[in-house]
Amino acid sequence: AAKPLRAIHEKYPKKGLLPSYFLPNGVIALPEEYTTGAMADSYYEYLLKAWVQGGQHKGELLLDTGKRWEMAMDDMITYLVRRSKNSTS
């Protein structure tokens, strides 16, 4: 799992959320779709699992999975969570 993660993280270092589909050369496929459901959830689960299992070595983890997971969660709140206009909470 490290080789594809490294390639994607190097190509998109500032993206917390990653699109659901990539072309074989690593370019984002169009239409650009983002989801945390089917076809994408394994990536976010892997980031969290690697970060949690890192224990005392979290700062040394390959590909900085904890930081990537936190970036993804921040981006999910920013771009995927919406509040309805009639919301009271």
N, C-alpha and C. Protein backbone atom coordinates (compact mmCIF):
# COMPACT_ATOMS: atom_id res chain seq x y z
N ALA A 1 0.81 -1.19 0.00
CA ALA A 1 0.00 0.00 0.00
C ALA A 1 0.86 1.26 0.00
N ALA A 2 2.10 1.15 0.42
CA ALA A 2 2.95 2.34 0.55
C ALA A 2 3.27 2.98 -0.80
N LYS A 3 3.52 2.19 -1.84
CA LYS A 3 3.93 2.76 -3.12
C LYS A 3 2.83 3.62 -3.75
N PRO A 4 1.59 3.12 -3.85
CA PRO A 4 0.55 3.99 -4.43
C PRO A 4 0.25 5.20 -3.55
N LEU A 5 0.27 5.01 -2.22
CA LEU A 5 0.03 6.15 -1.33
C LEU A 5 1.10 7.22 -1.51
N ARG A 6 2.34 6.80 -1.57
CA ARG A 6 3.43 7.75 -1.75
C ARG A 6 3.24 8.52 -3.05
N ALA A 7 2.90 7.81 -4.13
CA ALA A 7 2.72 8.47 -5.43
C ALA A 7 1.60 9.50 -5.38
N ILE A 8 0.48 9.15 -4.80
CA ILE A 8 -0.65 10.08 -4.73
C ILE A 8 -0.33 11.25 -3.80
N HIS A 9 0.28 10.96 -2.66
CA HIS A 9 0.59 12.03 -1.70
C HIS A 9 1.63 13.00 -2.26
N GLU A 10 2.57 12.48 -3.03
CA GLU A 10 3.56 13.37 -3.65
C GLU A 10 2.93 14.22 -4.75
N LYS A 11 1.99 13.63 -5.49
CA LYS A 11 1.35 14.36 -6.59
C LYS A 11 0.35 15.40 -6.06
N TYR A 12 -0.29 15.10 -4.93
CA TYR A 12 -1.32 15.98 -4.36
C TYR A 12 -1.01 16.23 -2.87
N PRO A 13 0.06 16.94 -2.57
CA PRO A 13 0.49 17.10 -1.17
C PRO A 13 -0.44 17.94 -0.29
N LYS A 14 -1.25 18.79 -0.88
CA LYS A 14 -2.10 19.69 -0.08
C LYS A 14 -3.56 19.26 -0.05
N LYS A 15 -3.89 18.12 -0.66
CA LYS A 15 -5.28 17.66 -0.71
C LYS A 15 -5.56 16.70 0.43
N GLY A 16 -6.55 17.04 1.26
CA GLY A 16 -6.99 16.12 2.30
C GLY A 16 -7.96 15.12 1.72
N LEU A 17 -8.94 15.64 0.99
CA LEU A 17 -9.89 14.76 0.30
C LEU A 17 -9.32 14.40 -1.06
N LEU A 18 -9.43 13.14 -1.39
CA LEU A 18 -8.99 12.71 -2.71
C LEU A 18 -10.21 12.30 -3.52
N PRO A 19 -10.18 12.50 -4.83
CA PRO A 19 -11.31 12.11 -5.66
C PRO A 19 -11.46 10.59 -5.69
N SER A 20 -12.61 10.15 -6.09
CA SER A 20 -12.91 8.72 -6.11
C SER A 20 -12.17 7.98 -7.22
N TYR A 21 -11.83 8.67 -8.30
CA TYR A 21 -11.23 8.00 -9.45
C TYR A 21 -9.99 8.72 -9.95
N PHE A 22 -8.98 7.92 -10.30
CA PHE A 22 -7.75 8.42 -10.91
C PHE A 22 -7.51 7.66 -12.20
N LEU A 23 -6.88 8.30 -13.15
CA LEU A 23 -6.43 7.62 -14.36
C LEU A 23 -5.17 6.83 -14.01
N PRO A 24 -4.76 5.88 -14.83
CA PRO A 24 -3.57 5.07 -14.53
C PRO A 24 -2.30 5.89 -14.28
N ASN A 25 -2.20 7.07 -14.87
CA ASN A 25 -1.01 7.90 -14.67
C ASN A 25 -1.10 8.78 -13.42
N GLY A 26 -2.18 8.61 -12.62
CA GLY A 26 -2.32 9.36 -11.38
C GLY A 26 -3.06 10.67 -11.51
N VAL A 27 -3.47 11.03 -12.72
CA VAL A 27 -4.23 12.25 -12.94
C VAL A 27 -5.68 12.02 -12.49
N ILE A 28 -6.29 13.03 -11.90
CA ILE A 28 -7.68 12.94 -11.46
C ILE A 28 -8.58 12.77 -12.67
N ALA A 29 -9.42 11.74 -12.63
CA ALA A 29 -10.36 11.47 -13.72
C ALA A 29 -11.54 12.44 -13.65
N LEU A 30 -12.06 12.78 -14.80
CA LEU A 30 -13.23 13.67 -14.88
C LEU A 30 -14.47 12.84 -15.15
N PRO A 31 -15.61 13.17 -14.63
CA PRO A 31 -15.85 14.30 -13.75
C PRO A 31 -15.24 14.03 -12.37
N GLU A 32 -14.72 15.07 -11.77
CA GLU A 32 -14.07 14.98 -10.48
C GLU A 32 -15.13 14.80 -9.40
N GLU A 33 -15.15 13.63 -8.77
CA GLU A 33 -16.14 13.31 -7.75
C GLU A 33 -15.45 13.00 -6.43
N TYR A 34 -16.05 13.46 -5.34
CA TYR A 34 -15.52 13.22 -4.01
C TYR A 34 -16.58 12.53 -3.17
N THR A 35 -16.17 11.53 -2.42
CA THR A 35 -17.09 10.82 -1.55
C THR A 35 -16.31 10.18 -0.41
N THR A 36 -17.00 9.86 0.63
CA THR A 36 -16.38 9.09 1.72
C THR A 36 -17.05 7.72 1.79
N GLY A 37 -17.90 7.44 0.80
CA GLY A 37 -18.61 6.17 0.75
C GLY A 37 -17.87 5.17 -0.12
N ALA A 38 -18.66 4.32 -0.77
CA ALA A 38 -18.10 3.26 -1.61
C ALA A 38 -17.08 3.81 -2.60
N MET A 39 -16.06 3.07 -2.84
CA MET A 39 -14.97 3.38 -3.76
C MET A 39 -13.95 4.36 -3.16
N ALA A 40 -14.18 4.87 -1.95
CA ALA A 40 -13.23 5.81 -1.37
C ALA A 40 -12.96 5.56 0.11
N ASP A 41 -13.86 4.92 0.81
CA ASP A 41 -13.75 4.81 2.26
C ASP A 41 -12.52 4.05 2.72
N SER A 42 -12.02 3.10 1.94
CA SER A 42 -10.86 2.32 2.36
C SER A 42 -9.63 3.20 2.55
N TYR A 43 -9.47 4.21 1.72
CA TYR A 43 -8.32 5.12 1.85
C TYR A 43 -8.33 5.82 3.20
N TYR A 44 -9.47 6.35 3.60
CA TYR A 44 -9.57 7.08 4.86
C TYR A 44 -9.45 6.12 6.05
N GLU A 45 -10.00 4.92 5.92
CA GLU A 45 -9.86 3.91 6.97
C GLU A 45 -8.40 3.53 7.16
N TYR A 46 -7.67 3.37 6.05
CA TYR A 46 -6.26 3.02 6.12
C TYR A 46 -5.46 4.12 6.82
N LEU A 47 -5.72 5.37 6.48
CA LEU A 47 -4.99 6.47 7.12
C LEU A 47 -5.19 6.45 8.63
N LEU A 48 -6.44 6.29 9.06
CA LEU A 48 -6.73 6.27 10.49
C LEU A 48 -6.10 5.06 11.17
N LYS A 49 -6.23 3.89 10.55
CA LYS A 49 -5.68 2.67 11.15
C LYS A 49 -4.15 2.77 11.30
N ALA A 50 -3.47 3.24 10.28
CA ALA A 50 -2.01 3.37 10.34
C ALA A 50 -1.61 4.36 11.42
N TRP A 51 -2.36 5.43 11.56
CA TRP A 51 -2.07 6.46 12.56
C TRP A 51 -2.26 5.91 13.97
N VAL A 52 -3.38 5.23 14.21
CA VAL A 52 -3.68 4.69 15.53
C VAL A 52 -2.68 3.59 15.90
N GLN A 53 -2.38 2.70 14.97
CA GLN A 53 -1.46 1.61 15.24
C GLN A 53 -0.03 2.08 15.41
N GLY A 54 0.27 3.30 14.99
CA GLY A 54 1.62 3.83 15.12
C GLY A 54 2.04 4.06 16.56
N GLY A 55 1.07 4.23 17.47
CA GLY A 55 1.38 4.40 18.89
C GLY A 55 2.38 5.50 19.13
N GLN A 56 3.47 5.15 19.81
CA GLN A 56 4.50 6.12 20.17
C GLN A 56 5.26 6.65 18.97
N HIS A 57 5.14 5.99 17.84
CA HIS A 57 5.91 6.37 16.66
C HIS A 57 5.08 7.16 15.65
N LYS A 58 4.01 7.77 16.10
CA LYS A 58 3.11 8.48 15.20
C LYS A 58 3.82 9.55 14.37
N GLY A 59 4.80 10.20 14.97
CA GLY A 59 5.52 11.25 14.26
C GLY A 59 6.44 10.72 13.18
N GLU A 60 6.73 9.42 13.22
CA GLU A 60 7.66 8.82 12.27
C GLU A 60 6.95 8.00 11.20
N LEU A 61 5.63 8.00 11.20
CA LEU A 61 4.89 7.13 10.30
C LEU A 61 5.14 7.45 8.84
N LEU A 62 5.19 6.40 8.07
CA LEU A 62 5.34 6.52 6.63
C LEU A 62 4.22 7.37 6.06
N LEU A 63 4.56 8.32 5.26
CA LEU A 63 3.60 9.15 4.52
C LEU A 63 2.76 10.04 5.41
N ASP A 64 3.13 10.22 6.65
CA ASP A 64 2.44 11.13 7.56
C ASP A 64 0.94 10.91 7.56
N THR A 65 0.53 9.67 7.82
CA THR A 65 -0.87 9.29 7.72
C THR A 65 -1.77 10.05 8.68
N GLY A 66 -1.29 10.36 9.87
CA GLY A 66 -2.11 11.10 10.83
C GLY A 66 -2.44 12.49 10.33
N LYS A 67 -1.45 13.16 9.81
CA LYS A 67 -1.67 14.51 9.28
C LYS A 67 -2.61 14.47 8.08
N ARG A 68 -2.43 13.46 7.21
CA ARG A 68 -3.31 13.34 6.04
C ARG A 68 -4.75 13.06 6.48
N TRP A 69 -4.92 12.22 7.52
CA TRP A 69 -6.27 11.91 8.01
C TRP A 69 -6.92 13.18 8.57
N GLU A 70 -6.17 13.94 9.36
CA GLU A 70 -6.71 15.19 9.92
C GLU A 70 -7.06 16.18 8.81
N MET A 71 -6.23 16.28 7.78
CA MET A 71 -6.53 17.16 6.65
C MET A 71 -7.82 16.70 5.96
N ALA A 72 -7.97 15.39 5.81
CA ALA A 72 -9.18 14.85 5.17
C ALA A 72 -10.42 15.17 5.99
N MET A 73 -10.34 15.03 7.30
CA MET A 73 -11.50 15.33 8.15
C MET A 73 -11.85 16.81 8.07
N ASP A 74 -10.86 17.68 8.09
CA ASP A 74 -11.10 19.12 7.96
C ASP A 74 -11.77 19.43 6.61
N ASP A 75 -11.25 18.82 5.54
CA ASP A 75 -11.83 19.05 4.21
C ASP A 75 -13.25 18.50 4.10
N MET A 76 -13.51 17.36 4.77
CA MET A 76 -14.88 16.80 4.74
C MET A 76 -15.85 17.79 5.37
N ILE A 77 -15.47 18.37 6.48
CA ILE A 77 -16.34 19.35 7.15
C ILE A 77 -16.52 20.58 6.26
N THR A 78 -15.44 21.04 5.65
CA THR A 78 -15.50 22.24 4.82
C THR A 78 -16.30 22.03 3.54
N TYR A 79 -16.08 20.91 2.86
CA TYR A 79 -16.65 20.75 1.52
C TYR A 79 -17.84 19.79 1.41
N LEU A 80 -18.01 18.88 2.35
CA LEU A 80 -19.05 17.88 2.21
C LEU A 80 -20.22 18.04 3.18
N VAL A 81 -20.01 18.73 4.28
CA VAL A 81 -21.09 18.90 5.26
C VAL A 81 -21.82 20.19 4.94
N ARG A 82 -23.11 20.09 4.82
CA ARG A 82 -23.95 21.26 4.53
C ARG A 82 -25.05 21.37 5.56
N ARG A 83 -25.42 22.56 5.89
CA ARG A 83 -26.52 22.81 6.82
C ARG A 83 -27.68 23.36 6.01
N SER A 84 -28.85 22.80 6.24
CA SER A 84 -30.02 23.29 5.50
C SER A 84 -30.39 24.69 5.96
N LYS A 85 -31.05 25.44 5.14
CA LYS A 85 -31.45 26.80 5.49
C LYS A 85 -32.48 26.83 6.61
N ASN A 86 -33.24 25.76 6.75
CA ASN A 86 -34.27 25.68 7.80
C ASN A 86 -33.77 25.01 9.08
N SER A 87 -32.47 24.78 9.15
CA SER A 87 -31.90 24.09 10.31
C SER A 87 -31.99 24.96 11.56
N THR A 88 -32.34 24.37 12.67
CA THR A 88 -32.41 25.12 13.93
C THR A 88 -31.24 24.81 14.84
N SER A 89 -30.37 23.90 14.43
CA SER A 89 -29.22 23.60 15.28
C SER A 89 -27.94 23.76 14.52
